[in-house]
PDB file of N, CA and C in Angstrom:
ATOM      1  N   UNK A   1     120.454  70.123  97.248  1.00  0.00           N
ATOM      2  CA  UNK A   1     120.462  69.414  98.514  1.00  0.00           C
ATOM      3  C   UNK A   1     119.445  70.046  99.467  1.00  0.00           C
ATOM      4  N   UNK A   2     118.683  69.222 100.105  1.00  0.00           N
ATOM      5  CA  UNK A   2     117.661  69.677 101.042  1.00  0.00           C
ATOM      6  C   UNK A   2     118.306  70.313 102.274  1.00  0.00           C
ATOM      7  N   UNK A   3     117.759  71.436 102.710  1.00  0.00           N
ATOM      8  CA  UNK A   3     118.267  72.144 103.885  1.00  0.00           C
ATOM      9  C   UNK A   3     117.314  71.951 105.059  1.00  0.00           C
ATOM     10  N   UNK A   4     117.850  71.878 106.281  1.00  0.00           N
ATOM     11  CA  UNK A   4     116.966  71.752 107.438  1.00  0.00           C
ATOM     12  C   UNK A   4     116.226  73.058 107.709  1.00  0.00           C
ATOM     13  N   UNK A   5     115.092  72.944 108.361  1.00  0.00           N
ATOM     14  CA  UNK A   5     114.322  74.110 108.796  1.00  0.00           C
ATOM     15  C   UNK A   5     115.003  74.682 110.040  1.00  0.00           C
ATOM     16  N   UNK A   6     115.168  75.985 110.091  1.00  0.00           N
ATOM     17  CA  UNK A   6     115.729  76.641 111.275  1.00  0.00           C
ATOM     18  C   UNK A   6     114.620  76.694 112.320  1.00  0.00           C
ATOM     19  N   UNK A   7     114.783  75.943 113.404  1.00  0.00           N
ATOM     20  CA  UNK A   7     113.761  75.898 114.453  1.00  0.00           C
ATOM     21  C   UNK A   7     113.838  77.137 115.346  1.00  0.00           C
ATOM     22  N   UNK A   8     115.040  77.690 115.515  1.00  0.00           N
ATOM     23  CA  UNK A   8     115.250  78.902 116.303  1.00  0.00           C
ATOM     24  C   UNK A   8     116.651  79.413 115.988  1.00  0.00           C
ATOM     25  N   UNK A   9     116.897  80.678 116.251  1.00  0.00           N
ATOM     26  CA  UNK A   9     118.214  81.255 115.979  1.00  0.00           C
ATOM     27  C   UNK A   9     119.049  81.408 117.240  1.00  0.00           C
ATOM     28  N   UNK A  10     118.772  80.569 118.234  1.00  0.00           N
ATOM     29  CA  UNK A  10     119.547  80.523 119.472  1.00  0.00           C
ATOM     30  C   UNK A  10     119.516  79.087 119.981  1.00  0.00           C
ATOM     31  N   UNK A  11     120.576  78.660 120.675  1.00  0.00           N
ATOM     32  CA  UNK A  11     120.577  77.302 121.226  1.00  0.00           C
ATOM     33  C   UNK A  11     119.606  77.198 122.394  1.00  0.00           C
ATOM     34  N   UNK A  12     119.332  75.969 122.791  1.00  0.00           N
ATOM     35  CA  UNK A  12     118.463  75.739 123.942  1.00  0.00           C
ATOM     36  C   UNK A  12     119.253  74.970 124.997  1.00  0.00           C
ATOM     37  N   UNK A  13     119.215  75.474 126.224  1.00  0.00           N
ATOM     38  CA  UNK A  13     119.860  74.780 127.333  1.00  0.00           C
ATOM     39  C   UNK A  13     119.003  73.595 127.745  1.00  0.00           C
ATOM     40  N   UNK A  14     119.631  72.436 127.832  1.00  0.00           N
ATOM     41  CA  UNK A  14     118.907  71.200 128.123  1.00  0.00           C
ATOM     42  C   UNK A  14     119.668  70.405 129.178  1.00  0.00           C
ATOM     43  N   UNK A  15     118.960  69.916 130.196  1.00  0.00           N
ATOM     44  CA  UNK A  15     119.586  69.068 131.206  1.00  0.00           C
ATOM     45  C   UNK A  15     119.639  67.639 130.685  1.00  0.00           C
ATOM     46  N   UNK A  16     120.845  67.117 130.554  1.00  0.00           N
ATOM     47  CA  UNK A  16     121.047  65.739 130.095  1.00  0.00           C
ATOM     48  C   UNK A  16     121.368  64.857 131.291  1.00  0.00           C
ATOM     49  N   UNK A  17     120.891  63.604 131.234  1.00  0.00           N
ATOM     50  CA  UNK A  17     121.125  62.646 132.307  1.00  0.00           C
ATOM     51  C   UNK A  17     122.135  61.606 131.863  1.00  0.00           C
ATOM     52  N   UNK A  18     123.144  61.354 132.683  1.00  0.00           N
ATOM     53  CA  UNK A  18     124.194  60.386 132.374  1.00  0.00           C
ATOM     54  C   UNK A  18     123.599  59.038 132.006  1.00  0.00           C
ATOM     55  N   UNK A  19     124.070  58.471 130.901  1.00  0.00           N
ATOM     56  CA  UNK A  19     123.649  57.152 130.459  1.00  0.00           C
ATOM     57  C   UNK A  19     122.374  57.126 129.644  1.00  0.00           C
ATOM     58  N   UNK A  20     121.652  58.222 129.591  1.00  0.00           N
ATOM     59  CA  UNK A  20     120.401  58.277 128.840  1.00  0.00           C
ATOM     60  C   UNK A  20     120.687  58.550 127.362  1.00  0.00           C
ATOM     61  N   UNK A  21     119.922  57.899 126.487  1.00  0.00           N
ATOM     62  CA  UNK A  21     120.063  58.083 125.045  1.00  0.00           C
ATOM     63  C   UNK A  21     119.034  59.097 124.565  1.00  0.00           C
ATOM     64  N   UNK A  22     119.492  60.011 123.714  1.00  0.00           N
ATOM     65  CA  UNK A  22     118.656  61.082 123.171  1.00  0.00           C
ATOM     66  C   UNK A  22     118.706  61.041 121.651  1.00  0.00           C
ATOM     67  N   UNK A  23     117.673  61.549 121.015  1.00  0.00           N
ATOM     68  CA  UNK A  23     117.622  61.672 119.553  1.00  0.00           C
ATOM     69  C   UNK A  23     117.359  63.139 119.224  1.00  0.00           C
ATOM     70  N   UNK A  24     118.417  63.847 118.831  1.00  0.00           N
ATOM     71  CA  UNK A  24     118.340  65.266 118.495  1.00  0.00           C
ATOM     72  C   UNK A  24     117.763  65.431 117.097  1.00  0.00           C
ATOM     73  N   UNK A  25     116.810  66.336 116.962  1.00  0.00           N
ATOM     74  CA  UNK A  25     116.174  66.616 115.670  1.00  0.00           C
ATOM     75  C   UNK A  25     117.169  67.328 114.751  1.00  0.00           C
ATOM     76  N   UNK A  26     117.420  66.772 113.583  1.00  0.00           N
ATOM     77  CA  UNK A  26     118.330  67.399 112.617  1.00  0.00           C
ATOM     78  C   UNK A  26     117.587  68.081 111.475  1.00  0.00           C
ATOM     79  N   UNK A  27     116.286  67.822 111.354  1.00  0.00           N
ATOM     80  CA  UNK A  27     115.523  68.383 110.234  1.00  0.00           C
ATOM     81  C   UNK A  27     114.883  69.728 110.563  1.00  0.00           C
ATOM     82  N   UNK A  28     114.639  69.986 111.859  1.00  0.00           N
ATOM     83  CA  UNK A  28     114.019  71.234 112.279  1.00  0.00           C
ATOM     84  C   UNK A  28     112.505  71.217 112.314  1.00  0.00           C
ATOM     85  N   UNK A  29     111.881  70.102 111.963  1.00  0.00           N
ATOM     86  CA  UNK A  29     110.418  70.036 111.888  1.00  0.00           C
ATOM     87  C   UNK A  29     109.740  69.478 113.139  1.00  0.00           C
ATOM     88  N   UNK A  30     110.496  68.925 114.069  1.00  0.00           N
ATOM     89  CA  UNK A  30     109.918  68.316 115.262  1.00  0.00           C
ATOM     90  C   UNK A  30     109.149  69.333 116.101  1.00  0.00           C
ATOM     91  N   UNK A  31     107.991  68.937 116.589  1.00  0.00           N
ATOM     92  CA  UNK A  31     107.219  69.780 117.502  1.00  0.00           C
ATOM     93  C   UNK A  31     107.793  69.704 118.910  1.00  0.00           C
ATOM     94  N   UNK A  32     108.670  68.744 119.155  1.00  0.00           N
ATOM     95  CA  UNK A  32     109.277  68.550 120.472  1.00  0.00           C
ATOM     96  C   UNK A  32     110.732  68.976 120.509  1.00  0.00           C
ATOM     97  N   UNK A  33     111.050  70.079 119.857  1.00  0.00           N
ATOM     98  CA  UNK A  33     112.437  70.563 119.797  1.00  0.00           C
ATOM     99  C   UNK A  33     113.064  70.630 121.178  1.00  0.00           C
ATOM    100  N   UNK A  34     114.324  70.272 121.315  1.00  0.00           N
ATOM    101  CA  UNK A  34     115.289  69.982 120.271  1.00  0.00           C
ATOM    102  C   UNK A  34     115.346  68.504 119.896  1.00  0.00           C
ATOM    103  N   UNK A  35     114.397  67.733 120.396  1.00  0.00           N
ATOM    104  CA  UNK A  35     114.439  66.289 120.181  1.00  0.00           C
ATOM    105  C   UNK A  35     113.501  65.838 119.065  1.00  0.00           C
ATOM    106  N   UNK A  36     113.804  64.701 118.497  1.00  0.00           N
ATOM    107  CA  UNK A  36     113.082  64.136 117.362  1.00  0.00           C
ATOM    108  C   UNK A  36     111.709  63.612 117.790  1.00  0.00           C
ATOM    109  N   UNK A  37     110.709  63.877 116.937  1.00  0.00           N
ATOM    110  CA  UNK A  37     109.373  63.298 117.143  1.00  0.00           C
ATOM    111  C   UNK A  37     108.929  62.501 115.918  1.00  0.00           C
ATOM    112  N   UNK A  38     109.863  62.237 115.000  1.00  0.00           N
ATOM    113  CA  UNK A  38     109.542  61.460 113.803  1.00  0.00           C
ATOM    114  C   UNK A  38     109.132  62.306 112.606  1.00  0.00           C
ATOM    115  N   UNK A  39     109.120  63.619 112.751  1.00  0.00           N
ATOM    116  CA  UNK A  39     108.688  64.502 111.657  1.00  0.00           C
ATOM    117  C   UNK A  39     109.624  64.467 110.452  1.00  0.00           C
ATOM    118  N   UNK A  40     110.819  63.908 110.614  1.00  0.00           N
ATOM    119  CA  UNK A  40     111.798  63.843 109.523  1.00  0.00           C
ATOM    120  C   UNK A  40     111.433  62.803 108.466  1.00  0.00           C
ATOM    121  N   UNK A  41     110.492  61.949 108.735  1.00  0.00           N
ATOM    122  CA  UNK A  41     110.225  60.809 107.837  1.00  0.00           C
ATOM    123  C   UNK A  41     109.997  61.184 106.380  1.00  0.00           C
ATOM    124  N   UNK A  42     109.323  62.307 106.040  1.00  0.00           N
ATOM    125  CA  UNK A  42     109.197  62.638 104.617  1.00  0.00           C
ATOM    126  C   UNK A  42     110.427  63.371 104.053  1.00  0.00           C
ATOM    127  N   UNK A  43     111.491  63.492 104.855  1.00  0.00           N
ATOM    128  CA  UNK A  43     112.699  64.199 104.420  1.00  0.00           C
ATOM    129  C   UNK A  43     113.868  63.217 104.316  1.00  0.00           C
ATOM    130  N   UNK A  44     115.016  63.734 103.926  1.00  0.00           N
ATOM    131  CA  UNK A  44     116.234  62.925 103.844  1.00  0.00           C
ATOM    132  C   UNK A  44     117.009  62.936 105.161  1.00  0.00           C
ATOM    133  N   UNK A  45     116.506  63.637 106.168  1.00  0.00           N
ATOM    134  CA  UNK A  45     117.215  63.783 107.438  1.00  0.00           C
ATOM    135  C   UNK A  45     116.959  62.618 108.381  1.00  0.00           C
ATOM    136  N   UNK A  46     117.932  62.368 109.250  1.00  0.00           N
ATOM    137  CA  UNK A  46     117.824  61.375 110.305  1.00  0.00           C
ATOM    138  C   UNK A  46     118.226  62.051 111.612  1.00  0.00           C
ATOM    139  N   UNK A  47     117.641  61.653 112.737  1.00  0.00           N
ATOM    140  CA  UNK A  47     118.037  62.257 114.002  1.00  0.00           C
ATOM    141  C   UNK A  47     119.457  61.861 114.372  1.00  0.00           C
ATOM    142  N   UNK A  48     120.091  62.689 115.173  1.00  0.00           N
ATOM    143  CA  UNK A  48     121.414  62.393 115.716  1.00  0.00           C
ATOM    144  C   UNK A  48     121.182  61.743 117.076  1.00  0.00           C
ATOM    145  N   UNK A  49     121.438  60.444 117.145  1.00  0.00           N
ATOM    146  CA  UNK A  49     121.248  59.702 118.386  1.00  0.00           C
ATOM    147  C   UNK A  49     122.560  59.746 119.169  1.00  0.00           C
ATOM    148  N   UNK A  50     122.459  60.110 120.451  1.00  0.00           N
ATOM    149  CA  UNK A  50     123.657  60.189 121.288  1.00  0.00           C
ATOM    150  C   UNK A  50     123.319  59.817 122.720  1.00  0.00           C
ATOM    151  N   UNK A  51     124.338  59.399 123.460  1.00  0.00           N
ATOM    152  CA  UNK A  51     124.177  59.036 124.865  1.00  0.00           C
ATOM    153  C   UNK A  51     124.949  60.050 125.706  1.00  0.00           C
ATOM    154  N   UNK A  52     124.284  60.605 126.711  1.00  0.00           N
ATOM    155  CA  UNK A  52     124.938  61.561 127.611  1.00  0.00           C
ATOM    156  C   UNK A  52     125.959  60.820 128.459  1.00  0.00           C
ATOM    157  N   UNK A  53     127.160  61.363 128.500  1.00  0.00           N
ATOM    158  CA  UNK A  53     128.234  60.731 129.270  1.00  0.00           C
ATOM    159  C   UNK A  53     128.183  61.110 130.742  1.00  0.00           C
ATOM    160  N   UNK A  54     127.566  62.272 131.041  1.00  0.00           N
ATOM    161  CA  UNK A  54     127.455  62.709 132.432  1.00  0.00           C
ATOM    162  C   UNK A  54     126.222  63.592 132.579  1.00  0.00           C
ATOM    163  N   UNK A  55     125.783  63.780 133.822  1.00  0.00           N
ATOM    164  CA  UNK A  55     124.706  64.725 134.093  1.00  0.00           C
ATOM    165  C   UNK A  55     125.265  66.118 133.823  1.00  0.00           C
ATOM    166  N   UNK A  56     124.593  66.856 132.958  1.00  0.00           N
ATOM    167  CA  UNK A  56     125.075  68.197 132.639  1.00  0.00           C
ATOM    168  C   UNK A  56     124.012  69.002 131.921  1.00  0.00           C
ATOM    169  N   UNK A  57     124.189  70.315 131.925  1.00  0.00           N
ATOM    170  CA  UNK A  57     123.376  71.151 131.068  1.00  0.00           C
ATOM    171  C   UNK A  57     124.183  71.348 129.791  1.00  0.00           C
ATOM    172  N   UNK A  58     123.547  71.088 128.662  1.00  0.00           N
ATOM    173  CA  UNK A  58     124.203  71.247 127.361  1.00  0.00           C
ATOM    174  C   UNK A  58     123.382  72.215 126.529  1.00  0.00           C
ATOM    175  N   UNK A  59     124.066  72.942 125.657  1.00  0.00           N
ATOM    176  CA  UNK A  59     123.371  73.861 124.757  1.00  0.00           C
ATOM    177  C   UNK A  59     123.271  73.197 123.394  1.00  0.00           C
ATOM    178  N   UNK A  60     122.049  72.783 123.053  1.00  0.00           N
ATOM    179  CA  UNK A  60     121.807  72.056 121.822  1.00  0.00           C
ATOM    180  C   UNK A  60     121.403  73.018 120.710  1.00  0.00           C
ATOM    181  N   UNK A  61     121.875  72.719 119.515  1.00  0.00           N
ATOM    182  CA  UNK A  61     121.635  73.559 118.344  1.00  0.00           C
ATOM    183  C   UNK A  61     120.168  73.532 117.955  1.00  0.00           C
ATOM    184  N   UNK A  62     119.630  74.717 117.707  1.00  0.00           N
ATOM    185  CA  UNK A  62     118.254  74.836 117.234  1.00  0.00           C
ATOM    186  C   UNK A  62     118.195  75.340 115.793  1.00  0.00           C
ATOM    187  N   UNK A  63     119.304  75.893 115.285  1.00  0.00           N
ATOM    188  CA  UNK A  63     119.301  76.391 113.901  1.00  0.00           C
ATOM    189  C   UNK A  63     119.572  75.260 112.912  1.00  0.00           C
ATOM    190  N   UNK A  64     120.074  74.129 113.416  1.00  0.00           N
ATOM    191  CA  UNK A  64     120.340  72.917 112.638  1.00  0.00           C
ATOM    192  C   UNK A  64     121.494  73.098 111.647  1.00  0.00           C
ATOM    193  N   UNK A  65     122.348  74.109 111.878  1.00  0.00           N
ATOM    194  CA  UNK A  65     123.483  74.374 110.998  1.00  0.00           C
ATOM    195  C   UNK A  65     124.814  73.995 111.642  1.00  0.00           C
ATOM    196  N   UNK A  66     124.803  73.517 112.879  1.00  0.00           N
ATOM    197  CA  UNK A  66     126.029  73.232 113.610  1.00  0.00           C
ATOM    198  C   UNK A  66     126.919  72.204 112.898  1.00  0.00           C
ATOM    199  N   UNK A  67     128.214  72.365 113.058  1.00  0.00           N
ATOM    200  CA  UNK A  67     129.149  71.363 112.528  1.00  0.00           C
ATOM    201  C   UNK A  67     129.513  70.356 113.612  1.00  0.00           C
ATOM    202  N   UNK A  68     128.903  70.488 114.803  1.00  0.00           N
ATOM    203  CA  UNK A  68     129.150  69.587 115.927  1.00  0.00           C
ATOM    204  C   UNK A  68     127.824  69.113 116.521  1.00  0.00           C
ATOM    205  N   UNK A  69     126.971  68.464 115.710  1.00  0.00           N
ATOM    206  CA  UNK A  69     125.658  68.063 116.219  1.00  0.00           C
ATOM    207  C   UNK A  69     125.771  67.071 117.369  1.00  0.00           C
ATOM    208  N   UNK A  70     124.937  67.195 118.369  1.00  0.00           N
ATOM    209  CA  UNK A  70     123.772  68.057 118.514  1.00  0.00           C
ATOM    210  C   UNK A  70     124.083  69.403 119.182  1.00  0.00           C
ATOM    211  N   UNK A  71     125.358  69.660 119.453  1.00  0.00           N
ATOM    212  CA  UNK A  71     125.743  70.822 120.253  1.00  0.00           C
ATOM    213  C   UNK A  71     125.879  72.093 119.408  1.00  0.00           C
ATOM    214  N   UNK A  72     125.528  73.208 120.020  1.00  0.00           N
ATOM    215  CA  UNK A  72     125.644  74.508 119.362  1.00  0.00           C
ATOM    216  C   UNK A  72     127.117  74.854 119.161  1.00  0.00           C
ATOM    217  N   UNK A  73     127.460  75.343 117.980  1.00  0.00           N
ATOM    218  CA  UNK A  73     128.815  75.815 117.698  1.00  0.00           C
ATOM    219  C   UNK A  73     128.826  77.286 117.285  1.00  0.00           C
ATOM    220  N   UNK A  74     127.698  77.966 117.481  1.00  0.00           N
ATOM    221  CA  UNK A  74     127.608  79.382 117.137  1.00  0.00           C
ATOM    222  C   UNK A  74     127.193  79.661 115.707  1.00  0.00           C
ATOM    223  N   UNK A  75     126.860  78.633 114.955  1.00  0.00           N
ATOM    224  CA  UNK A  75     126.458  78.819 113.544  1.00  0.00           C
ATOM    225  C   UNK A  75     125.261  79.742 113.391  1.00  0.00           C
ATOM    226  N   UNK A  76     124.407  79.813 114.420  1.00  0.00           N
ATOM    227  CA  UNK A  76     123.221  80.676 114.337  1.00  0.00           C
ATOM    228  C   UNK A  76     123.611  82.148 114.186  1.00  0.00           C
ATOM    229  N   UNK A  77     124.823  82.507 114.587  1.00  0.00           N
ATOM    230  CA  UNK A  77     125.271  83.904 114.457  1.00  0.00           C
ATOM    231  C   UNK A  77     125.493  84.309 113.022  1.00  0.00           C
ATOM    232  N   UNK A  78     125.571  83.351 112.102  1.00  0.00           N
ATOM    233  CA  UNK A  78     125.804  83.631 110.680  1.00  0.00           C
ATOM    234  C   UNK A  78     124.505  83.685 109.871  1.00  0.00           C
ATOM    235  N   UNK A  79     123.370  83.413 110.529  1.00  0.00           N
ATOM    236  CA  UNK A  79     122.090  83.377 109.826  1.00  0.00           C
ATOM    237  C   UNK A  79     121.495  84.764 109.667  1.00  0.00           C
TER     238      UNK A  79
END
């Protein structure tokens, strides 16, 4: 099974806007981390599309190992 590229070993704090739709990179290859730029196309990965429910700062996973995408769950601590 293909594994995602670890983009970083720490989450990134990101300001999300209520009602806005985002596409989180799940493959780790995007140059626009933590968001998708289409780099997944030669892989089996697809971005995680989500809509922010409120204005907030969220910590998005950069290691791509989270069990709660797109949010960090501390999986980077096991790498």
